[in-house]
Structures are given as C-alpha cells and as structure tokens.
Amino acid sequence: MMSVNDKLESLLAESRAPRDIEIETMSLNFYRMQLGDFVLNLLLGTKEAQEKAVSYRSFNVAAGMLAVRPGPLGTNMGRFYGVNVKVDGTDTINIHAEDMARKKARNAGFSAVSVVTVIGPTQEDHVSGLHTHALHPCGRCRERLSHDDLIKPDTLFVSAPEDFKVIDVTSLEGIIRLHQDGDESGIATFELNDSADLFTPLKELEAKAPDVEEVDDSEWQATVGGFLLQRFVRIQQNLR
C-alpha cells in the first residue's frame, strides 16, 4: 500500500504547472544559438517555482530540469519544476524538489535530463557536513539521481542561491566526489554580479575550480553560457 507521502508525491508529479513547457522538434543548431537563454530561463523558472515550496521551517527549495528526447524531425525539449513539501518535523510528508521534477519529466516521456538547476538557502549537508556556496542535492536525492537513467554522466548541475550571486556548475559525479571525499576538482564556482554574467567572458570572472573546461573559441564565445553549451552538446551527441 502506498504511503500518504508517496500518494501526494505521485499526484504532484502528474500535475502540469503552466511553466512545464514542451518545445517540439528543434534542431541542434538552434540549441547551440539559444542554450544560454535556456539555462538562464531554467534558473529563473526555478526561482519562480520556489514560491510554491512548503516548509515548516521556511527552508524553501526548488529544482528545474531541462529534459530532451529524440523526435522524428529533431529534438524535443521540456522544462519541468519541482519543490519541496514538508509540513512538520516528521517524514510523514517529505517530498524533495528534485524527485518531483524528474518524475514529471519521466511521466511526460522524456529520455534524458541535460540540465538540473537547484535553488534554495544553503545549510550544512546532512551526510558530508559541508556547507557549500550554493545548495546541492541532499544525500537522499544524490542516491536517487545516481540510479535514475534520466541522469547522464554529462548532465549539468547548476546550483545557485536566490540572488544568483554564486553559481556552482558541476555533474552528479562531481557533487558526489565533493560530499564523499572532499574533492572539489569537479565543481566550478562562478561569482557573479547578476544573472546576466552568464554571458560575460570566463576570463573576467573568478573560477575557483582549477580545471574549468576550455571553450573552443573557433565555434563559441568563451562565456559561462558557452561553457554550459559544451556540456549540453555532449548530451545531445550521446542521444544519437
């Protein structure tokens, strides 16, 4: 028998909010031109979704997922959002934002998630004890995401506080290495004045991770948006 929490989680995952948008049959070339906008819109949509979170201690978290699937004429894309729901200090009702977003993407028939965004206040991680620049998926969500075939090795994870002043860019493996082994090499942290800095040249921003990937200037502008684009294109190639 399903618990009250599982029933509520399934009901919320089956609902389609106005901001859950499917965009059909778009070419990879269009993605290449528009990716920076897509990531920025996903962050902004995640921030808007955060207002629907329910937390007895005002710890409001939202997650967004940019999901893709092959289509007969190109690539289909959808944006899906989830929020946390926890009404008291027990686990009777304890829905996590990432769970809600990925279940929405799966219910809509998508085969891969290319970008995951997480926005919320920071706190000490219950598993690792780390207090990161931006909120990462918790230990329970890391475990569930690692066993979900929607999440690929190159799925991009973008975490930010509500003001977008700091953005952590990484993969699920990078997050797990940080919280299991204290290895920060897979996390690129960008300090931004505002969200428009996604389009500022990388060399003008402080990148704390030493191994931030080089962007091929022959094709893309060397911006944070370009950095995200390189990861996104690899996801598309893996779908073929």
C-alpha atoms as a PDB file:
ATOM      1  CA  MET A   1       0.000   0.000   0.000  1.00  0.00           C
ATOM      2  CA  MET A   2       1.294   3.453  -0.916  1.00  0.00           C
ATOM      3  CA  SER A   3       2.062   5.821   1.938  1.00  0.00           C
ATOM      4  CA  VAL A   4       0.414   9.224   2.192  1.00  0.00           C
ATOM      5  CA  ASN A   5       3.730  10.768   1.149  1.00  0.00           C
ATOM      6  CA  ASP A   6       4.013   8.558  -1.972  1.00  0.00           C
ATOM      7  CA  LYS A   7       0.405   9.253  -2.987  1.00  0.00           C
ATOM      8  CA  LEU A   8       0.894  13.001  -2.663  1.00  0.00           C
ATOM      9  CA  GLU A   9       4.221  12.871  -4.499  1.00  0.00           C
ATOM     10  CA  SER A  10       2.646  10.924  -7.392  1.00  0.00           C
ATOM     11  CA  LEU A  11      -0.272  13.337  -7.565  1.00  0.00           C
ATOM     12  CA  LEU A  12       2.005  16.371  -7.696  1.00  0.00           C
ATOM     13  CA  ALA A  13       4.272  14.730 -10.298  1.00  0.00           C
ATOM     14  CA  GLU A  14       1.288  14.045 -12.547  1.00  0.00           C
ATOM     15  CA  SER A  15       0.124  17.658 -12.401  1.00  0.00           C
ATOM     16  CA  ARG A  16       1.375  20.000 -15.116  1.00  0.00           C
ATOM     17  CA  ALA A  17       2.121  23.525 -13.995  1.00  0.00           C
ATOM     18  CA  PRO A  18       1.845  26.368 -16.540  1.00  0.00           C
ATOM     19  CA  ARG A  19       5.652  26.657 -16.630  1.00  0.00           C
ATOM     20  CA  ASP A  20       6.098  22.995 -17.643  1.00  0.00           C
ATOM     21  CA  ILE A  21       6.626  23.704 -21.320  1.00  0.00           C
ATOM     22  CA  GLU A  22       7.371  21.267 -24.123  1.00  0.00           C
ATOM     23  CA  ILE A  23       9.082  22.690 -27.183  1.00  0.00           C
ATOM     24  CA  GLU A  24       8.867  20.323 -30.126  1.00  0.00           C
ATOM     25  CA  THR A  25      11.247  19.467 -32.979  1.00  0.00           C
ATOM     26  CA  MET A  26      14.089  21.917 -32.502  1.00  0.00           C
ATOM     27  CA  SER A  27      17.391  21.406 -34.274  1.00  0.00           C
ATOM     28  CA  LEU A  28      20.746  21.091 -32.543  1.00  0.00           C
ATOM     29  CA  ASN A  29      21.898  24.243 -34.334  1.00  0.00           C
ATOM     30  CA  PHE A  30      19.069  26.175 -32.681  1.00  0.00           C
ATOM     31  CA  TYR A  31      20.135  24.801 -29.281  1.00  0.00           C
ATOM     32  CA  ARG A  32      23.664  25.979 -29.999  1.00  0.00           C
ATOM     33  CA  MET A  33      22.427  29.510 -30.549  1.00  0.00           C
ATOM     34  CA  GLN A  34      19.983  29.594 -27.643  1.00  0.00           C
ATOM     35  CA  LEU A  35      21.470  27.468 -24.852  1.00  0.00           C
ATOM     36  CA  GLY A  36      22.499  30.400 -22.670  1.00  0.00           C
ATOM     37  CA  ASP A  37      18.906  31.636 -22.771  1.00  0.00           C
ATOM     38  CA  PHE A  38      17.588  28.158 -21.972  1.00  0.00           C
ATOM     39  CA  VAL A  39      19.787  27.791 -18.877  1.00  0.00           C
ATOM     40  CA  LEU A  40      19.007  31.311 -17.689  1.00  0.00           C
ATOM     41  CA  ASN A  41      15.284  30.747 -18.227  1.00  0.00           C
ATOM     42  CA  LEU A  42      15.517  27.455 -16.326  1.00  0.00           C
ATOM     43  CA  LEU A  43      17.182  29.234 -13.402  1.00  0.00           C
ATOM     44  CA  LEU A  44      14.566  31.991 -13.442  1.00  0.00           C
ATOM     45  CA  GLY A  45      11.745  29.439 -13.716  1.00  0.00           C
ATOM     46  CA  THR A  46      13.220  27.523 -10.786  1.00  0.00           C
ATOM     47  CA  LYS A  47      13.335  30.720  -8.738  1.00  0.00           C
ATOM     48  CA  GLU A  48       9.675  31.381  -9.574  1.00  0.00           C
ATOM     49  CA  ALA A  49       8.706  27.803  -8.669  1.00  0.00           C
ATOM     50  CA  GLN A  50      10.393  28.227  -5.280  1.00  0.00           C
ATOM     51  CA  GLU A  51       7.440  30.359  -4.181  1.00  0.00           C
ATOM     52  CA  LYS A  52       5.270  27.206  -4.235  1.00  0.00           C
ATOM     53  CA  ALA A  53       7.508  25.281  -1.823  1.00  0.00           C
ATOM     54  CA  VAL A  54       6.047  24.296   1.555  1.00  0.00           C
ATOM     55  CA  SER A  55       8.403  24.095   4.524  1.00  0.00           C
ATOM     56  CA  TYR A  56       7.529  24.288   8.193  1.00  0.00           C
ATOM     57  CA  ARG A  57      10.936  25.910   8.793  1.00  0.00           C
ATOM     58  CA  SER A  58      10.942  28.183   5.730  1.00  0.00           C
ATOM     59  CA  PHE A  59      13.608  26.075   4.005  1.00  0.00           C
ATOM     60  CA  ASN A  60      12.118  26.513   0.535  1.00  0.00           C
ATOM     61  CA  VAL A  61      13.836  24.597  -2.283  1.00  0.00           C
ATOM     62  CA  ALA A  62      13.023  24.333  -5.983  1.00  0.00           C
ATOM     63  CA  ALA A  63      14.567  22.258  -8.767  1.00  0.00           C
ATOM     64  CA  GLY A  64      14.302  22.597 -12.520  1.00  0.00           C
ATOM     65  CA  MET A  65      15.110  20.064 -15.223  1.00  0.00           C
ATOM     66  CA  LEU A  66      15.711  20.641 -18.911  1.00  0.00           C
ATOM     67  CA  ALA A  67      14.760  17.298 -20.445  1.00  0.00           C
ATOM     68  CA  VAL A  68      15.260  16.116 -24.027  1.00  0.00           C
ATOM     69  CA  ARG A  69      14.153  13.235 -26.211  1.00  0.00           C
ATOM     70  CA  PRO A  70      14.757  12.327 -29.845  1.00  0.00           C
ATOM     71  CA  GLY A  71      11.918  13.184 -32.195  1.00  0.00           C
ATOM     72  CA  PRO A  72      11.209  12.273 -35.829  1.00  0.00           C
ATOM     73  CA  LEU A  73      12.163  15.742 -37.059  1.00  0.00           C
ATOM     74  CA  GLY A  74      14.656  16.863 -34.427  1.00  0.00           C
ATOM     75  CA  THR A  75      14.938  17.080 -30.660  1.00  0.00           C
ATOM     76  CA  ASN A  76      12.043  17.689 -28.281  1.00  0.00           C
ATOM     77  CA  MET A  77      12.685  19.650 -25.109  1.00  0.00           C
ATOM     78  CA  GLY A  78      10.723  20.203 -21.922  1.00  0.00           C
ATOM     79  CA  ARG A  79      11.225  22.224 -18.746  1.00  0.00           C
ATOM     80  CA  PHE A  80       9.953  20.711 -15.515  1.00  0.00           C
ATOM     81  CA  TYR A  81       9.952  22.111 -11.992  1.00  0.00           C
ATOM     82  CA  GLY A  82       9.579  20.644  -8.534  1.00  0.00           C
ATOM     83  CA  VAL A  83       9.504  21.996  -4.989  1.00  0.00           C
ATOM     84  CA  ASN A  84       9.967  20.547  -1.536  1.00  0.00           C
ATOM     85  CA  VAL A  85       6.936  19.846   0.643  1.00  0.00           C
ATOM     86  CA  LYS A  86       7.449  19.197   4.341  1.00  0.00           C
ATOM     87  CA  VAL A  87       4.723  20.337   6.719  1.00  0.00           C
ATOM     88  CA  ASP A  88       6.315  19.362  10.032  1.00  0.00           C
ATOM     89  CA  GLY A  89       9.418  17.847  11.596  1.00  0.00           C
ATOM     90  CA  THR A  90       8.414  14.273  10.779  1.00  0.00           C
ATOM     91  CA  ASP A  91       8.811  12.398   7.489  1.00  0.00           C
ATOM     92  CA  THR A  92       5.090  11.709   7.057  1.00  0.00           C
ATOM     93  CA  ILE A  93       5.091  14.253   4.238  1.00  0.00           C
ATOM     94  CA  ASN A  94       8.620  14.798   2.916  1.00  0.00           C
ATOM     95  CA  ILE A  95       8.755  15.495  -0.832  1.00  0.00           C
ATOM     96  CA  HIS A  96      12.025  16.659  -2.358  1.00  0.00           C
ATOM     97  CA  ALA A  97      12.143  19.133  -5.235  1.00  0.00           C
ATOM     98  CA  GLU A  98      14.434  17.009  -7.423  1.00  0.00           C
ATOM     99  CA  ASP A  99      12.144  13.971  -7.052  1.00  0.00           C
ATOM    100  CA  MET A 100       9.105  15.929  -8.176  1.00  0.00           C
ATOM    101  CA  ALA A 101      10.869  17.441 -11.210  1.00  0.00           C
ATOM    102  CA  ARG A 102      12.367  14.179 -12.504  1.00  0.00           C
ATOM    103  CA  LYS A 103       9.083  12.300 -12.082  1.00  0.00           C
ATOM    104  CA  LYS A 104       7.332  14.982 -14.135  1.00  0.00           C
ATOM    105  CA  ALA A 105       9.944  14.578 -16.875  1.00  0.00           C
ATOM    106  CA  ARG A 106       9.591  10.791 -16.846  1.00  0.00           C
ATOM    107  CA  ASN A 107       5.787  10.937 -16.862  1.00  0.00           C
ATOM    108  CA  ALA A 108       5.980  13.170 -19.956  1.00  0.00           C
ATOM    109  CA  GLY A 109       8.046  10.544 -21.798  1.00  0.00           C
ATOM    110  CA  PHE A 110      11.461  12.219 -21.853  1.00  0.00           C
ATOM    111  CA  SER A 111      14.573  10.067 -22.125  1.00  0.00           C
ATOM    112  CA  ALA A 112      17.350  12.257 -20.684  1.00  0.00           C
ATOM    113  CA  VAL A 113      17.868  15.304 -18.492  1.00  0.00           C
ATOM    114  CA  SER A 114      20.534  17.644 -19.822  1.00  0.00           C
ATOM    115  CA  VAL A 115      20.462  20.359 -17.135  1.00  0.00           C
ATOM    116  CA  VAL A 116      19.374  20.305 -13.481  1.00  0.00           C
ATOM    117  CA  THR A 117      19.011  23.545 -11.528  1.00  0.00           C
ATOM    118  CA  VAL A 118      18.661  23.778  -7.749  1.00  0.00           C
ATOM    119  CA  ILE A 119      17.815  26.985  -5.893  1.00  0.00           C
ATOM    120  CA  GLY A 120      17.420  27.332  -2.152  1.00  0.00           C
ATOM    121  CA  PRO A 121      19.062  28.572   1.034  1.00  0.00           C
ATOM    122  CA  THR A 122      22.290  26.850   1.980  1.00  0.00           C
ATOM    123  CA  GLN A 123      22.729  24.661   5.014  1.00  0.00           C
ATOM    124  CA  GLU A 124      25.105  22.023   6.329  1.00  0.00           C
ATOM    125  CA  ASP A 125      24.787  18.842   4.280  1.00  0.00           C
ATOM    126  CA  HIS A 126      23.328  16.109   6.496  1.00  0.00           C
ATOM    127  CA  VAL A 127      25.683  13.461   5.081  1.00  0.00           C
ATOM    128  CA  SER A 128      29.000  15.243   4.484  1.00  0.00           C
ATOM    129  CA  GLY A 129      28.684  18.095   6.962  1.00  0.00           C
ATOM    130  CA  LEU A 130      29.847  20.531   4.256  1.00  0.00           C
ATOM    131  CA  HIS A 131      28.345  23.998   3.902  1.00  0.00           C
ATOM    132  CA  THR A 132      28.653  24.782   0.187  1.00  0.00           C
ATOM    133  CA  HIS A 133      28.449  28.074  -1.737  1.00  0.00           C
ATOM    134  CA  ALA A 134      25.112  27.008  -3.228  1.00  0.00           C
ATOM    135  CA  LEU A 135      22.644  24.299  -2.259  1.00  0.00           C
ATOM    136  CA  HIS A 136      23.426  20.873  -3.737  1.00  0.00           C
ATOM    137  CA  PRO A 137      21.028  17.908  -3.906  1.00  0.00           C
ATOM    138  CA  CYS A 138      20.916  16.253  -0.487  1.00  0.00           C
ATOM    139  CA  GLY A 139      22.225  12.778   0.261  1.00  0.00           C
ATOM    140  CA  ARG A 140      18.864  11.126  -0.412  1.00  0.00           C
ATOM    141  CA  CYS A 141      18.479  12.937  -3.725  1.00  0.00           C
ATOM    142  CA  ARG A 142      22.074  12.158  -4.752  1.00  0.00           C
ATOM    143  CA  GLU A 143      21.371   8.467  -4.201  1.00  0.00           C
ATOM    144  CA  ARG A 144      18.122   8.537  -6.175  1.00  0.00           C
ATOM    145  CA  LEU A 145      19.552  10.617  -9.019  1.00  0.00           C
ATOM    146  CA  SER A 146      22.524   8.266  -9.347  1.00  0.00           C
ATOM    147  CA  HIS A 147      20.135   5.338 -10.007  1.00  0.00           C
ATOM    148  CA  ASP A 148      17.866   7.184 -12.452  1.00  0.00           C
ATOM    149  CA  ASP A 149      18.686   6.611 -16.122  1.00  0.00           C
ATOM    150  CA  LEU A 150      17.346  10.076 -16.969  1.00  0.00           C
ATOM    151  CA  ILE A 151      20.543  11.455 -15.434  1.00  0.00           C
ATOM    152  CA  LYS A 152      23.541  11.014 -17.726  1.00  0.00           C
ATOM    153  CA  PRO A 153      27.273  11.300 -16.931  1.00  0.00           C
ATOM    154  CA  ASP A 154      27.333  14.727 -18.635  1.00  0.00           C
ATOM    155  CA  THR A 155      24.082  16.016 -17.157  1.00  0.00           C
ATOM    156  CA  LEU A 156      24.901  19.517 -15.979  1.00  0.00           C
ATOM    157  CA  PHE A 157      24.015  20.533 -12.410  1.00  0.00           C
ATOM    158  CA  VAL A 158      23.691  24.257 -11.750  1.00  0.00           C
ATOM    159  CA  SER A 159      23.108  25.374  -8.159  1.00  0.00           C
ATOM    160  CA  ALA A 160      22.517  28.935  -7.003  1.00  0.00           C
ATOM    161  CA  PRO A 161      21.196  30.889  -4.038  1.00  0.00           C
ATOM    162  CA  GLU A 162      18.139  33.083  -4.548  1.00  0.00           C
ATOM    163  CA  ASP A 163      20.216  36.126  -5.558  1.00  0.00           C
ATOM    164  CA  PHE A 164      22.320  34.221  -8.156  1.00  0.00           C
ATOM    165  CA  LYS A 165      25.481  35.796  -6.744  1.00  0.00           C
ATOM    166  CA  VAL A 166      27.287  32.453  -6.782  1.00  0.00           C
ATOM    167  CA  ILE A 167      26.693  29.617  -9.238  1.00  0.00           C
ATOM    168  CA  ASP A 168      28.140  26.127  -8.838  1.00  0.00           C
ATOM    169  CA  VAL A 169      28.456  24.246 -12.142  1.00  0.00           C
ATOM    170  CA  THR A 170      29.201  20.539 -11.983  1.00  0.00           C
ATOM    171  CA  SER A 171      27.990  16.994 -12.695  1.00  0.00           C
ATOM    172  CA  LEU A 172      26.361  14.496 -10.353  1.00  0.00           C
ATOM    173  CA  GLU A 173      29.709  12.701 -10.088  1.00  0.00           C
ATOM    174  CA  GLY A 174      31.357  15.997  -9.128  1.00  0.00           C
ATOM    175  CA  ILE A 175      28.779  16.561  -6.380  1.00  0.00           C
ATOM    176  CA  ILE A 176      29.179  13.020  -5.053  1.00  0.00           C
ATOM    177  CA  ARG A 177      33.002  13.274  -5.026  1.00  0.00           C
ATOM    178  CA  LEU A 178      32.793  16.529  -3.095  1.00  0.00           C
ATOM    179  CA  HIS A 179      30.470  15.183  -0.427  1.00  0.00           C
ATOM    180  CA  GLN A 180      32.086  11.745  -0.141  1.00  0.00           C
ATOM    181  CA  ASP A 181      35.771  12.587  -0.456  1.00  0.00           C
ATOM    182  CA  GLY A 182      36.001  16.377  -0.106  1.00  0.00           C
ATOM    183  CA  ASP A 183      37.267  16.526  -3.708  1.00  0.00           C
ATOM    184  CA  GLU A 184      36.380  19.973  -5.126  1.00  0.00           C
ATOM    185  CA  SER A 185      38.009  19.428  -8.532  1.00  0.00           C
ATOM    186  CA  GLY A 186      34.691  18.681 -10.234  1.00  0.00           C
ATOM    187  CA  ILE A 187      32.988  21.878  -9.047  1.00  0.00           C
ATOM    188  CA  ALA A 188      33.330  25.143 -10.966  1.00  0.00           C
ATOM    189  CA  THR A 189      32.197  28.077  -8.819  1.00  0.00           C
ATOM    190  CA  PHE A 190      31.406  31.357 -10.547  1.00  0.00           C
ATOM    191  CA  GLU A 191      30.968  34.581  -8.607  1.00  0.00           C
ATOM    192  CA  LEU A 192      28.539  36.809 -10.496  1.00  0.00           C
ATOM    193  CA  ASN A 193      27.241  40.327 -10.052  1.00  0.00           C
ATOM    194  CA  ASP A 194      23.923  39.287 -11.583  1.00  0.00           C
ATOM    195  CA  SER A 195      22.451  36.594 -13.806  1.00  0.00           C
ATOM    196  CA  ALA A 196      23.463  38.465 -16.965  1.00  0.00           C
ATOM    197  CA  ASP A 197      27.056  37.459 -16.173  1.00  0.00           C
ATOM    198  CA  LEU A 198      26.238  34.070 -17.678  1.00  0.00           C
ATOM    199  CA  PHE A 199      27.262  35.824 -20.889  1.00  0.00           C
ATOM    200  CA  THR A 200      30.387  37.506 -19.527  1.00  0.00           C
ATOM    201  CA  PRO A 201      33.759  36.169 -20.748  1.00  0.00           C
ATOM    202  CA  LEU A 202      35.084  33.494 -18.419  1.00  0.00           C
ATOM    203  CA  LYS A 203      38.427  35.249 -18.036  1.00  0.00           C
ATOM    204  CA  GLU A 204      36.647  38.202 -16.420  1.00  0.00           C
ATOM    205  CA  LEU A 205      35.031  36.005 -13.767  1.00  0.00           C
ATOM    206  CA  GLU A 206      36.609  34.234 -10.835  1.00  0.00           C
ATOM    207  CA  ALA A 207      36.524  30.488 -11.421  1.00  0.00           C
ATOM    208  CA  LYS A 208      37.672  28.784  -8.252  1.00  0.00           C
ATOM    209  CA  ALA A 209      37.965  25.297  -9.735  1.00  0.00           C
ATOM    210  CA  PRO A 210      41.359  24.853 -11.436  1.00  0.00           C
ATOM    211  CA  ASP A 211      40.107  22.532 -14.162  1.00  0.00           C
ATOM    212  CA  VAL A 212      37.334  24.595 -15.751  1.00  0.00           C
ATOM    213  CA  GLU A 213      36.992  23.258 -19.263  1.00  0.00           C
ATOM    214  CA  GLU A 214      38.419  25.256 -22.135  1.00  0.00           C
ATOM    215  CA  VAL A 215      35.847  26.567 -24.566  1.00  0.00           C
ATOM    216  CA  ASP A 216      36.621  26.294 -28.275  1.00  0.00           C
ATOM    217  CA  ASP A 217      36.698  29.939 -29.377  1.00  0.00           C
ATOM    218  CA  SER A 218      36.532  28.921 -33.025  1.00  0.00           C
ATOM    219  CA  GLU A 219      32.873  27.982 -32.517  1.00  0.00           C
ATOM    220  CA  TRP A 220      31.633  29.501 -29.288  1.00  0.00           C
ATOM    221  CA  GLN A 221      32.193  32.662 -27.297  1.00  0.00           C
ATOM    222  CA  ALA A 222      34.244  31.959 -24.183  1.00  0.00           C
ATOM    223  CA  THR A 223      31.419  32.763 -21.774  1.00  0.00           C
ATOM    224  CA  VAL A 224      29.772  30.909 -18.923  1.00  0.00           C
ATOM    225  CA  GLY A 225      26.923  30.241 -21.359  1.00  0.00           C
ATOM    226  CA  GLY A 226      29.468  28.776 -23.777  1.00  0.00           C
ATOM    227  CA  PHE A 227      30.896  26.614 -21.014  1.00  0.00           C
ATOM    228  CA  LEU A 228      27.408  25.252 -20.346  1.00  0.00           C
ATOM    229  CA  LEU A 229      26.875  24.758 -24.052  1.00  0.00           C
ATOM    230  CA  GLN A 230      29.861  22.441 -24.414  1.00  0.00           C
ATOM    231  CA  ARG A 231      28.362  20.115 -21.815  1.00  0.00           C
ATOM    232  CA  PHE A 232      24.918  20.314 -23.386  1.00  0.00           C
ATOM    233  CA  VAL A 233      26.164  19.407 -26.868  1.00  0.00           C
ATOM    234  CA  ARG A 234      27.767  16.253 -25.475  1.00  0.00           C
ATOM    235  CA  ILE A 235      24.410  15.198 -24.017  1.00  0.00           C
ATOM    236  CA  GLN A 236      22.857  15.650 -27.457  1.00  0.00           C
ATOM    237  CA  GLN A 237      25.585  13.560 -29.077  1.00  0.00           C
ATOM    238  CA  ASN A 238      25.046  10.783 -26.550  1.00  0.00           C
ATOM    239  CA  LEU A 239      21.364  10.619 -27.504  1.00  0.00           C
ATOM    240  CA  ARG A 240      22.135   9.780 -31.122  1.00  0.00           C
END
